[in-house]
Protein backbone atom coordinates (compact mmCIF):
# COMPACT_ATOMS: atom_id res chain seq x y z
CA MET A 1 -19.36 1.76 33.57
CA VAL A 2 -15.89 3.02 32.74
CA VAL A 3 -14.83 6.61 32.20
CA LEU A 4 -11.71 7.16 30.10
CA LYS A 5 -10.07 10.57 30.34
CA LEU A 6 -8.94 11.16 26.77
CA SER A 7 -7.94 14.81 27.08
CA ARG A 8 -4.29 13.74 27.55
CA VAL A 9 -4.21 11.42 24.54
CA ALA A 10 -6.77 12.81 22.04
CA THR A 11 -8.09 16.14 20.79
CA PHE A 12 -11.63 15.26 19.65
CA THR A 13 -13.18 14.78 23.11
CA ASP A 14 -12.24 14.86 26.79
CA TYR A 15 -13.96 11.67 27.94
CA PHE A 16 -15.34 8.36 26.77
CA ILE A 17 -18.07 6.98 28.98
CA ILE A 18 -18.49 3.27 28.28
CA CYS A 19 -21.35 1.24 29.63
CA THR A 20 -22.93 -2.14 29.02
CA ALA A 21 -26.62 -2.88 28.65
CA ASP A 22 -27.92 -6.36 29.44
CA SER A 23 -30.37 -6.41 26.54
CA THR A 24 -31.45 -4.52 23.43
CA PRO A 25 -34.47 -2.96 25.22
CA GLN A 26 -32.20 -1.79 28.05
CA LEU A 27 -29.69 -0.35 25.55
CA LYS A 28 -32.49 1.61 23.89
CA ALA A 29 -33.84 2.80 27.25
CA ILE A 30 -30.42 4.06 28.38
CA ALA A 31 -29.88 5.97 25.14
CA GLU A 32 -33.37 7.50 25.27
CA GLU A 33 -33.06 8.52 28.92
CA VAL A 34 -29.68 10.19 28.37
CA ALA A 35 -31.10 12.07 25.37
CA LEU A 36 -34.04 13.25 27.50
CA ARG A 37 -31.96 14.42 30.43
CA LEU A 38 -29.09 16.20 28.68
CA PRO A 39 -29.48 19.53 26.88
CA ARG A 40 -30.24 19.05 23.20
CA LYS A 41 -28.02 22.00 22.25
CA HIS A 42 -24.95 20.01 23.37
CA HIS A 43 -25.91 16.84 21.46
CA LEU A 44 -23.65 16.74 18.41
CA GLY A 45 -24.55 13.37 16.98
CA LYS A 46 -25.66 9.78 17.30
CA GLU A 47 -24.29 6.63 15.70
CA GLY A 48 -25.54 3.08 15.77
CA PHE A 49 -28.94 1.78 16.75
CA PRO A 50 -30.12 -0.40 19.62
CA ASP A 51 -30.75 -3.25 17.17
CA SER A 52 -27.09 -3.09 16.09
CA SER A 53 -25.95 -3.80 19.69
CA TRP A 54 -24.33 -0.40 20.26
CA VAL A 55 -25.18 3.30 20.37
CA LEU A 56 -22.81 6.27 20.50
CA LEU A 57 -24.03 9.66 21.72
CA ASP A 58 -21.64 12.55 21.07
CA TYR A 59 -21.88 15.53 23.41
CA GLY A 60 -18.60 17.18 22.42
CA ASP A 61 -16.79 17.16 25.76
CA PHE A 62 -17.73 13.51 26.21
CA ILE A 63 -18.88 10.61 24.07
CA LEU A 64 -21.15 7.97 25.56
CA HIS A 65 -20.78 4.44 24.23
CA ILE A 66 -23.52 1.95 25.13
CA PHE A 67 -22.84 -1.65 24.17
CA LEU A 68 -24.28 -5.10 24.56
CA PRO A 69 -21.65 -7.28 26.32
CA GLU A 70 -20.33 -9.16 23.28
CA THR A 71 -20.07 -5.96 21.23
CA ARG A 72 -18.21 -4.14 24.00
CA LYS A 73 -15.73 -7.00 24.16
CA PHE A 74 -15.34 -7.01 20.36
CA TYR A 75 -14.54 -3.29 20.11
CA GLY A 76 -12.36 -3.24 23.24
CA LEU A 77 -12.26 0.53 23.68
CA GLU A 78 -10.54 0.20 27.06
CA ARG A 79 -7.79 -1.81 25.36
CA ILE A 80 -7.46 0.57 22.40
CA TRP A 81 -7.29 3.63 24.67
CA ALA A 82 -5.18 1.94 27.38
CA ASP A 83 -2.95 5.05 27.63
CA ALA A 84 -5.89 7.09 28.93
CA PRO A 85 -6.47 7.26 32.68
CA SER A 86 -9.64 5.40 33.60
CA GLU A 87 -12.09 5.05 36.42
CA THR A 88 -14.61 2.28 36.92
CA ILE A 89 -17.94 3.35 38.36
CA LYS A 90 -19.96 0.62 40.04
CA SER A 91 -23.74 0.83 39.69
CA GLU A 92 -25.92 0.77 42.77
CA PRO A 93 -28.28 -2.23 43.17
């Protein structure tokens, strides 16, 4: 998972959180779990569907992008927003 701090380079959000799911069922499960755990009043929108290989969840201060590997590579958000400071977060086994 990568967190891009966009507050220095954009005005529409403070952070992009970008993660990769290994499969369509995992992508769907991640999106559903995030939606369950975060307050609904802060959820501003959703784009994409698990079957389309990506989902975006907009929470205002941050936007979560969940991709399948090939789709993440195609969109290259880390490359597009290379001016933003970033931090890679390793998942625990």
